[in-house]
PDB file of N, CA and C in Angstrom:
ATOM      1  N   MET A   1     198.260  61.098 154.906  1.00  0.00           N
ATOM      2  CA  MET A   1     196.985  61.122 154.236  1.00  0.00           C
ATOM      3  C   MET A   1     197.087  60.299 152.959  1.00  0.00           C
ATOM      4  N   THR A   2     196.102  59.458 152.710  1.00  0.00           N
ATOM      5  CA  THR A   2     196.089  58.655 151.502  1.00  0.00           C
ATOM      6  C   THR A   2     194.955  59.125 150.615  1.00  0.00           C
ATOM      7  N   SER A   3     195.109  58.862 149.342  1.00  0.00           N
ATOM      8  CA  SER A   3     194.039  59.210 148.410  1.00  0.00           C
ATOM      9  C   SER A   3     193.843  58.046 147.457  1.00  0.00           C
ATOM     10  N   SER A   4     192.632  57.916 146.976  1.00  0.00           N
ATOM     11  CA  SER A   4     192.346  56.849 146.038  1.00  0.00           C
ATOM     12  C   SER A   4     192.709  57.321 144.632  1.00  0.00           C
ATOM     13  N   PRO A   5     192.952  56.373 143.727  1.00  0.00           N
ATOM     14  CA  PRO A   5     193.262  56.774 142.357  1.00  0.00           C
ATOM     15  C   PRO A   5     192.070  57.502 141.743  1.00  0.00           C
ATOM     16  N   PRO A   6     192.320  58.365 140.766  1.00  0.00           N
ATOM     17  CA  PRO A   6     191.212  59.085 140.152  1.00  0.00           C
ATOM     18  C   PRO A   6     190.247  58.133 139.459  1.00  0.00           C
ATOM     19  N   LYS A   7     188.988  58.512 139.462  1.00  0.00           N
ATOM     20  CA  LYS A   7     187.942  57.727 138.811  1.00  0.00           C
ATOM     21  C   LYS A   7     187.624  58.354 137.458  1.00  0.00           C
ATOM     22  N   MET A   8     187.100  57.570 136.547  1.00  0.00           N
ATOM     23  CA  MET A   8     186.771  58.059 135.206  1.00  0.00           C
ATOM     24  C   MET A   8     185.923  59.331 135.287  1.00  0.00           C
ATOM     25  N   GLY A   9     184.973  59.375 136.203  1.00  0.00           N
ATOM     26  CA  GLY A   9     184.088  60.531 136.330  1.00  0.00           C
ATOM     27  C   GLY A   9     184.801  61.792 136.773  1.00  0.00           C
ATOM     28  N   ASP A  10     186.025  61.657 137.303  1.00  0.00           N
ATOM     29  CA  ASP A  10     186.798  62.810 137.758  1.00  0.00           C
ATOM     30  C   ASP A  10     187.510  63.531 136.619  1.00  0.00           C
ATOM     31  N   ARG A  11     187.371  63.048 135.402  1.00  0.00           N
ATOM     32  CA  ARG A  11     188.003  63.719 134.255  1.00  0.00           C
ATOM     33  C   ARG A  11     187.334  65.061 134.015  1.00  0.00           C
ATOM     34  N   ILE A  12     188.138  66.057 133.773  1.00  0.00           N
ATOM     35  CA  ILE A  12     187.651  67.414 133.534  1.00  0.00           C
ATOM     36  C   ILE A  12     187.255  67.556 132.068  1.00  0.00           C
ATOM     37  N   VAL A  13     186.105  68.169 131.834  1.00  0.00           N
ATOM     38  CA  VAL A  13     185.648  68.387 130.459  1.00  0.00           C
ATOM     39  C   VAL A  13     185.366  69.860 130.158  1.00  0.00           C
ATOM     40  N   GLU A  14     185.287  70.699 131.186  1.00  0.00           N
ATOM     41  CA  GLU A  14     184.962  72.106 130.968  1.00  0.00           C
ATOM     42  C   GLU A  14     185.662  72.959 132.029  1.00  0.00           C
ATOM     43  N   VAL A  15     186.136  74.119 131.603  1.00  0.00           N
ATOM     44  CA  VAL A  15     186.749  75.088 132.506  1.00  0.00           C
ATOM     45  C   VAL A  15     186.224  76.458 132.102  1.00  0.00           C
ATOM     46  N   ARG A  16     185.733  77.206 133.073  1.00  0.00           N
ATOM     47  CA  ARG A  16     185.285  78.577 132.798  1.00  0.00           C
ATOM     48  C   ARG A  16     185.458  79.414 134.055  1.00  0.00           C
ATOM     49  N   PHE A  17     185.317  80.719 133.891  1.00  0.00           N
ATOM     50  CA  PHE A  17     185.554  81.662 134.984  1.00  0.00           C
ATOM     51  C   PHE A  17     184.459  82.718 135.024  1.00  0.00           C
ATOM     52  N   ASP A  18     184.249  83.278 136.212  1.00  0.00           N
ATOM     53  CA  ASP A  18     183.620  84.585 136.323  1.00  0.00           C
ATOM     54  C   ASP A  18     184.658  85.460 137.027  1.00  0.00           C
ATOM     55  N   GLU A  19     184.291  86.618 137.488  1.00  0.00           N
ATOM     56  CA  GLU A  19     185.276  87.521 138.084  1.00  0.00           C
ATOM     57  C   GLU A  19     185.973  86.937 139.305  1.00  0.00           C
ATOM     58  N   ASP A  20     185.251  86.113 140.071  1.00  0.00           N
ATOM     59  CA  ASP A  20     185.772  85.640 141.357  1.00  0.00           C
ATOM     60  C   ASP A  20     185.925  84.139 141.499  1.00  0.00           C
ATOM     61  N   HIS A  21     185.524  83.366 140.497  1.00  0.00           N
ATOM     62  CA  HIS A  21     185.499  81.907 140.641  1.00  0.00           C
ATOM     63  C   HIS A  21     186.030  81.181 139.413  1.00  0.00           C
ATOM     64  N   LEU A  22     186.557  80.012 139.670  1.00  0.00           N
ATOM     65  CA  LEU A  22     186.889  79.027 138.649  1.00  0.00           C
ATOM     66  C   LEU A  22     185.800  77.969 138.715  1.00  0.00           C
ATOM     67  N   PHE A  23     185.226  77.621 137.574  1.00  0.00           N
ATOM     68  CA  PHE A  23     184.205  76.573 137.492  1.00  0.00           C
ATOM     69  C   PHE A  23     184.745  75.441 136.639  1.00  0.00           C
ATOM     70  N   VAL A  24     184.607  74.223 137.138  1.00  0.00           N
ATOM     71  CA  VAL A  24     185.100  73.043 136.443  1.00  0.00           C
ATOM     72  C   VAL A  24     183.944  72.068 136.279  1.00  0.00           C
ATOM     73  N   GLY A  25     183.772  71.559 135.057  1.00  0.00           N
ATOM     74  CA  GLY A  25     182.787  70.522 134.785  1.00  0.00           C
ATOM     75  C   GLY A  25     183.491  69.189 134.625  1.00  0.00           C
ATOM     76  N   PHE A  26     182.903  68.154 135.188  1.00  0.00           N
ATOM     77  CA  PHE A  26     183.494  66.818 135.154  1.00  0.00           C
ATOM     78  C   PHE A  26     182.715  65.897 134.226  1.00  0.00           C
ATOM     79  N   TRP A  27     183.390  64.847 133.783  1.00  0.00           N
ATOM     80  CA  TRP A  27     182.862  63.896 132.828  1.00  0.00           C
ATOM     81  C   TRP A  27     181.536  63.285 133.290  1.00  0.00           C
ATOM     82  N   ASP A  28     181.371  63.074 134.593  1.00  0.00           N
ATOM     83  CA  ASP A  28     180.155  62.432 135.098  1.00  0.00           C
ATOM     84  C   ASP A  28     179.009  63.423 135.342  1.00  0.00           C
ATOM     85  N   GLY A  29     179.181  64.681 134.951  1.00  0.00           N
ATOM     86  CA  GLY A  29     178.106  65.656 135.075  1.00  0.00           C
ATOM     87  C   GLY A  29     178.217  66.579 136.277  1.00  0.00           C
ATOM     88  N   ARG A  30     179.109  66.270 137.209  1.00  0.00           N
ATOM     89  CA  ARG A  30     179.296  67.166 138.350  1.00  0.00           C
ATOM     90  C   ARG A  30     179.944  68.459 137.888  1.00  0.00           C
ATOM     91  N   SER A  31     179.676  69.515 138.652  1.00  0.00           N
ATOM     92  CA  SER A  31     180.387  70.764 138.428  1.00  0.00           C
ATOM     93  C   SER A  31     180.835  71.302 139.777  1.00  0.00           C
ATOM     94  N   LEU A  32     181.893  72.088 139.739  1.00  0.00           N
ATOM     95  CA  LEU A  32     182.490  72.607 140.952  1.00  0.00           C
ATOM     96  C   LEU A  32     182.880  74.053 140.709  1.00  0.00           C
ATOM     97  N   GLY A  33     182.540  74.911 141.650  1.00  0.00           N
ATOM     98  CA  GLY A  33     182.978  76.299 141.615  1.00  0.00           C
ATOM     99  C   GLY A  33     183.850  76.569 142.822  1.00  0.00           C
ATOM    100  N   VAL A  34     185.028  77.145 142.583  1.00  0.00           N
ATOM    101  CA  VAL A  34     185.953  77.452 143.670  1.00  0.00           C
ATOM    102  C   VAL A  34     186.406  78.903 143.572  1.00  0.00           C
ATOM    103  N   PRO A  35     186.642  79.545 144.713  1.00  0.00           N
ATOM    104  CA  PRO A  35     187.093  80.939 144.682  1.00  0.00           C
ATOM    105  C   PRO A  35     188.493  81.062 144.069  1.00  0.00           C
ATOM    106  N   LEU A  36     188.654  82.051 143.199  1.00  0.00           N
ATOM    107  CA  LEU A  36     189.967  82.301 142.621  1.00  0.00           C
ATOM    108  C   LEU A  36     190.992  82.681 143.684  1.00  0.00           C
ATOM    109  N   ALA A  37     190.538  83.156 144.831  1.00  0.00           N
ATOM    110  CA  ALA A  37     191.465  83.515 145.905  1.00  0.00           C
ATOM    111  C   ALA A  37     192.330  82.320 146.328  1.00  0.00           C
ATOM    112  N   LEU A  38     191.874  81.095 146.087  1.00  0.00           N
ATOM    113  CA  LEU A  38     192.676  79.908 146.401  1.00  0.00           C
ATOM    114  C   LEU A  38     193.825  79.707 145.416  1.00  0.00           C
ATOM    115  N   TYR A  39     193.755  80.388 144.271  1.00  0.00           N
ATOM    116  CA  TYR A  39     194.722  80.199 143.194  1.00  0.00           C
ATOM    117  C   TYR A  39     195.234  81.563 142.736  1.00  0.00           C
ATOM    118  N   PRO A  40     196.170  82.164 143.485  1.00  0.00           N
ATOM    119  CA  PRO A  40     196.617  83.531 143.210  1.00  0.00           C
ATOM    120  C   PRO A  40     197.114  83.764 141.784  1.00  0.00           C
ATOM    121  N   VAL A  41     197.769  82.790 141.188  1.00  0.00           N
ATOM    122  CA  VAL A  41     198.243  82.978 139.812  1.00  0.00           C
ATOM    123  C   VAL A  41     197.062  83.223 138.884  1.00  0.00           C
ATOM    124  N   LEU A  42     195.997  82.449 139.047  1.00  0.00           N
ATOM    125  CA  LEU A  42     194.807  82.638 138.217  1.00  0.00           C
ATOM    126  C   LEU A  42     194.068  83.917 138.591  1.00  0.00           C
ATOM    127  N   LEU A  43     194.019  84.229 139.872  1.00  0.00           N
ATOM    128  CA  LEU A  43     193.344  85.432 140.345  1.00  0.00           C
ATOM    129  C   LEU A  43     193.925  86.678 139.687  1.00  0.00           C
ATOM    130  N   HIS A  44     195.243  86.738 139.562  1.00  0.00           N
ATOM    131  CA  HIS A  44     195.907  87.928 139.038  1.00  0.00           C
ATOM    132  C   HIS A  44     196.169  87.867 137.537  1.00  0.00           C
ATOM    133  N   ALA A  45     195.757  86.796 136.888  1.00  0.00           N
ATOM    134  CA  ALA A  45     195.971  86.644 135.447  1.00  0.00           C
ATOM    135  C   ALA A  45     194.918  87.424 134.664  1.00  0.00           C
ATOM    136  N   SER A  46     195.256  87.737 133.434  1.00  0.00           N
ATOM    137  CA  SER A  46     194.296  88.399 132.551  1.00  0.00           C
ATOM    138  C   SER A  46     193.227  87.392 132.126  1.00  0.00           C
ATOM    139  N   PRO A  47     192.049  87.870 131.753  1.00  0.00           N
ATOM    140  CA  PRO A  47     191.024  86.952 131.251  1.00  0.00           C
ATOM    141  C   PRO A  47     191.511  86.140 130.047  1.00  0.00           C
ATOM    142  N   GLU A  48     192.338  86.739 129.209  1.00  0.00           N
ATOM    143  CA  GLU A  48     192.869  86.016 128.045  1.00  0.00           C
ATOM    144  C   GLU A  48     193.767  84.864 128.476  1.00  0.00           C
ATOM    145  N   ASP A  49     194.639  85.117 129.467  1.00  0.00           N
ATOM    146  CA  ASP A  49     195.507  84.032 129.939  1.00  0.00           C
ATOM    147  C   ASP A  49     194.722  82.950 130.671  1.00  0.00           C
ATOM    148  N   ARG A  50     193.699  83.322 131.407  1.00  0.00           N
ATOM    149  CA  ARG A  50     192.849  82.312 132.062  1.00  0.00           C
ATOM    150  C   ARG A  50     192.154  81.434 131.026  1.00  0.00           C
ATOM    151  N   ALA A  51     191.726  82.055 129.934  1.00  0.00           N
ATOM    152  CA  ALA A  51     190.975  81.322 128.900  1.00  0.00           C
ATOM    153  C   ALA A  51     191.862  80.379 128.094  1.00  0.00           C
ATOM    154  N   HIS A  52     193.184  80.563 128.155  1.00  0.00           N
ATOM    155  CA  HIS A  52     194.105  79.723 127.398  1.00  0.00           C
ATOM    156  C   HIS A  52     194.575  78.562 128.269  1.00  0.00           C
ATOM    157  N   TRP A  53     193.733  77.549 128.389  1.00  0.00           N
ATOM    158  CA  TRP A  53     194.039  76.377 129.199  1.00  0.00           C
ATOM    159  C   TRP A  53     194.000  75.136 128.320  1.00  0.00           C
ATOM    160  N   GLU A  54     194.594  74.080 128.819  1.00  0.00           N
ATOM    161  CA  GLU A  54     194.530  72.789 128.133  1.00  0.00           C
ATOM    162  C   GLU A  54     194.441  71.694 129.185  1.00  0.00           C
ATOM    163  N   LEU A  55     193.832  70.595 128.780  1.00  0.00           N
ATOM    164  CA  LEU A  55     193.756  69.451 129.688  1.00  0.00           C
ATOM    165  C   LEU A  55     195.104  68.758 129.741  1.00  0.00           C
ATOM    166  N   SER A  56     195.437  68.249 130.901  1.00  0.00           N
ATOM    167  CA  SER A  56     196.675  67.488 131.074  1.00  0.00           C
ATOM    168  C   SER A  56     196.350  66.206 131.837  1.00  0.00           C
ATOM    169  N   ALA A  57     197.325  65.329 131.913  1.00  0.00           N
ATOM    170  CA  ALA A  57     197.188  64.079 132.674  1.00  0.00           C
ATOM    171  C   ALA A  57     195.928  63.317 132.284  1.00  0.00           C
ATOM    172  N   ALA A  58     195.715  63.159 130.986  1.00  0.00           N
ATOM    173  CA  ALA A  58     194.568  62.408 130.452  1.00  0.00           C
ATOM    174  C   ALA A  58     193.229  62.971 130.907  1.00  0.00           C
ATOM    175  N   GLY A  59     193.171  64.281 131.152  1.00  0.00           N
ATOM    176  CA  GLY A  59     191.925  64.916 131.578  1.00  0.00           C
ATOM    177  C   GLY A  59     191.773  65.046 133.079  1.00  0.00           C
ATOM    178  N   PHE A  60     192.755  64.591 133.825  1.00  0.00           N
ATOM    179  CA  PHE A  60     192.700  64.693 135.282  1.00  0.00           C
ATOM    180  C   PHE A  60     193.411  65.943 135.795  1.00  0.00           C
ATOM    181  N   GLY A  61     193.773  66.845 134.894  1.00  0.00           N
ATOM    182  CA  GLY A  61     194.434  68.079 135.285  1.00  0.00           C
ATOM    183  C   GLY A  61     194.185  69.175 134.270  1.00  0.00           C
ATOM    184  N   ILE A  62     194.492  70.402 134.671  1.00  0.00           N
ATOM    185  CA  ILE A  62     194.374  71.573 133.809  1.00  0.00           C
ATOM    186  C   ILE A  62     195.726  72.279 133.821  1.00  0.00           C
ATOM    187  N   HIS A  63     196.168  72.686 132.643  1.00  0.00           N
ATOM    188  CA  HIS A  63     197.443  73.403 132.510  1.00  0.00           C
ATOM    189  C   HIS A  63     197.191  74.718 131.783  1.00  0.00           C
ATOM    190  N   TRP A  64     197.777  75.797 132.334  1.00  0.00           N
ATOM    191  CA  TRP A  64     197.749  77.114 131.697  1.00  0.00           C
ATOM    192  C   TRP A  64     199.168  77.406 131.229  1.00  0.00           C
ATOM    193  N   PRO A  65     199.460  77.193 129.939  1.00  0.00           N
ATOM    194  CA  PRO A  65     200.838  77.333 129.462  1.00  0.00           C
ATOM    195  C   PRO A  65     201.397  78.745 129.622  1.00  0.00           C
ATOM    196  N   ASN A  66     200.591  79.760 129.430  1.00  0.00           N
ATOM    197  CA  ASN A  66     201.090  81.135 129.561  1.00  0.00           C
ATOM    198  C   ASN A  66     201.407  81.497 131.004  1.00  0.00           C
ATOM    199  N   LEU A  67     200.820  80.784 131.945  1.00  0.00           N
ATOM    200  CA  LEU A  67     200.974  81.103 133.365  1.00  0.00           C
ATOM    201  C   LEU A  67     201.857  80.105 134.101  1.00  0.00           C
ATOM    202  N   ASP A  68     202.213  79.011 133.440  1.00  0.00           N
ATOM    203  CA  ASP A  68     202.947  77.917 134.077  1.00  0.00           C
ATOM    204  C   ASP A  68     202.232  77.471 135.354  1.00  0.00           C
ATOM    205  N   GLU A  69     200.921  77.280 135.235  1.00  0.00           N
ATOM    206  CA  GLU A  69     200.079  76.880 136.373  1.00  0.00           C
ATOM    207  C   GLU A  69     199.399  75.561 136.037  1.00  0.00           C
ATOM    208  N   ASP A  70     199.340  74.671 137.015  1.00  0.00           N
ATOM    209  CA  ASP A  70     198.697  73.370 136.858  1.00  0.00           C
ATOM    210  C   ASP A  70     197.827  73.097 138.071  1.00  0.00           C
ATOM    211  N   LEU A  71     196.630  72.586 137.820  1.00  0.00           N
ATOM    212  CA  LEU A  71     195.741  72.137 138.890  1.00  0.00           C
ATOM    213  C   LEU A  71     195.270  70.735 138.556  1.00  0.00           C
ATOM    214  N   SER A  72     195.121  69.912 139.575  1.00  0.00           N
ATOM    215  CA  SER A  72     194.633  68.550 139.354  1.00  0.00           C
ATOM    216  C   SER A  72     193.160  68.456 139.746  1.00  0.00           C
ATOM    217  N   ALA A  73     192.472  67.528 139.099  1.00  0.00           N
ATOM    218  CA  ALA A  73     191.076  67.279 139.442  1.00  0.00           C
ATOM    219  C   ALA A  73     190.963  66.867 140.908  1.00  0.00           C
ATOM    220  N   LEU A  74     191.847  66.007 141.348  1.00  0.00           N
ATOM    221  CA  LEU A  74     191.806  65.539 142.733  1.00  0.00           C
ATOM    222  C   LEU A  74     192.006  66.696 143.707  1.00  0.00           C
ATOM    223  N   GLY A  75     192.978  67.552 143.434  1.00  0.00           N
ATOM    224  CA  GLY A  75     193.218  68.709 144.294  1.00  0.00           C
ATOM    225  C   GLY A  75     192.022  69.643 144.339  1.00  0.00           C
ATOM    226  N   LEU A  76     191.402  69.878 143.191  1.00  0.00           N
ATOM    227  CA  LEU A  76     190.203  70.716 143.155  1.00  0.00           C
ATOM    228  C   LEU A  76     189.078  70.090 143.968  1.00  0.00           C
ATOM    229  N   LEU A  77     188.841  68.801 143.768  1.00  0.00           N
ATOM    230  CA  LEU A  77     187.756  68.121 144.478  1.00  0.00           C
ATOM    231  C   LEU A  77     187.993  68.072 145.985  1.00  0.00           C
ATOM    232  N   GLN A  78     189.251  68.034 146.392  1.00  0.00           N
ATOM    233  CA  GLN A  78     189.553  67.986 147.820  1.00  0.00           C
ATOM    234  C   GLN A  78     189.727  69.381 148.426  1.00  0.00           C
ATOM    235  N   GLY A  79     189.614  70.417 147.608  1.00  0.00           N
ATOM    236  CA  GLY A  79     189.675  71.783 148.115  1.00  0.00           C
ATOM    237  C   GLY A  79     191.065  72.298 148.420  1.00  0.00           C
ATOM    238  N   PHE A  80     192.080  71.696 147.811  1.00  0.00           N
ATOM    239  CA  PHE A  80     193.449  72.149 148.060  1.00  0.00           C
ATOM    240  C   PHE A  80     193.725  73.456 147.337  1.00  0.00           C
ATOM    241  N   PRO A  81     194.296  74.448 148.021  1.00  0.00           N
ATOM    242  CA  PRO A  81     194.730  75.669 147.335  1.00  0.00           C
ATOM    243  C   PRO A  81     196.013  75.391 146.552  1.00  0.00           C
ATOM    244  N   SER A  82     196.388  76.310 145.685  1.00  0.00           N
ATOM    245  CA  SER A  82     197.646  76.124 144.957  1.00  0.00           C
ATOM    246  C   SER A  82     198.818  76.264 145.920  1.00  0.00           C
ATOM    247  N   VAL A  83     199.899  75.638 145.553  1.00  0.00           N
ATOM    248  CA  VAL A  83     201.101  75.686 146.374  1.00  0.00           C
ATOM    249  C   VAL A  83     201.811  77.011 146.094  1.00  0.00           C
ATOM    250  N   PRO A  84     202.135  77.770 147.142  1.00  0.00           N
ATOM    251  CA  PRO A  84     202.838  79.047 146.908  1.00  0.00           C
ATOM    252  C   PRO A  84     204.167  78.810 146.189  1.00  0.00           C
ATOM    253  N   ARG A  85     204.473  79.703 145.278  1.00  0.00           N
ATOM    254  CA  ARG A  85     205.725  79.586 144.535  1.00  0.00           C
ATOM    255  C   ARG A  85     206.858  80.259 145.290  1.00  0.00           C
ATOM    256  N   ARG A  86     208.011  79.655 145.181  1.00  0.00           N
ATOM    257  CA  ARG A  86     209.208  80.262 145.765  1.00  0.00           C
ATOM    258  C   ARG A  86     209.794  81.227 144.743  1.00  0.00           C
ATOM    259  N   PRO A  87     210.314  82.350 145.198  1.00  0.00           N
ATOM    260  CA  PRO A  87     210.985  83.250 144.261  1.00  0.00           C
ATOM    261  C   PRO A  87     212.220  82.580 143.665  1.00  0.00           C
ATOM    262  N   LEU A  88     212.538  82.929 142.441  1.00  0.00           N
ATOM    263  CA  LEU A  88     213.727  82.380 141.793  1.00  0.00           C
ATOM    264  C   LEU A  88     214.970  82.940 142.473  1.00  0.00           C
ATOM    265  N   ALA A  89     215.967  82.088 142.630  1.00  0.00           N
ATOM    266  CA  ALA A  89     217.232  82.530 143.216  1.00  0.00           C
ATOM    267  C   ALA A  89     217.941  83.456 142.232  1.00  0.00           C
ATOM    268  N   THR A  90     218.598  84.449 142.764  1.00  0.00           N
ATOM    269  CA  THR A  90     219.323  85.396 141.888  1.00  0.00           C
ATOM    270  C   THR A  90     220.804  85.175 141.954  1.00  0.00           C
TER     271      THR A  90
END
């Protein structure tokens, strides 16, 4: 599968939540709502940790430092769920 490089309009400018969804606003005026069920780390996070996000990759990604979670604009637009994490080796 190939993908095109991100476009200026794909830059994220807003992130917000309700109980069941992540909403993302893009630079070109589009908005996207996705179920939190696609992103288990965010689904199980506290509202405070969800609210503590920062833009990454020049606005083409979102990073939650308290959760060590990252989502890309391209992945969100293409409907990709988060990648399951492997347990740490003991």
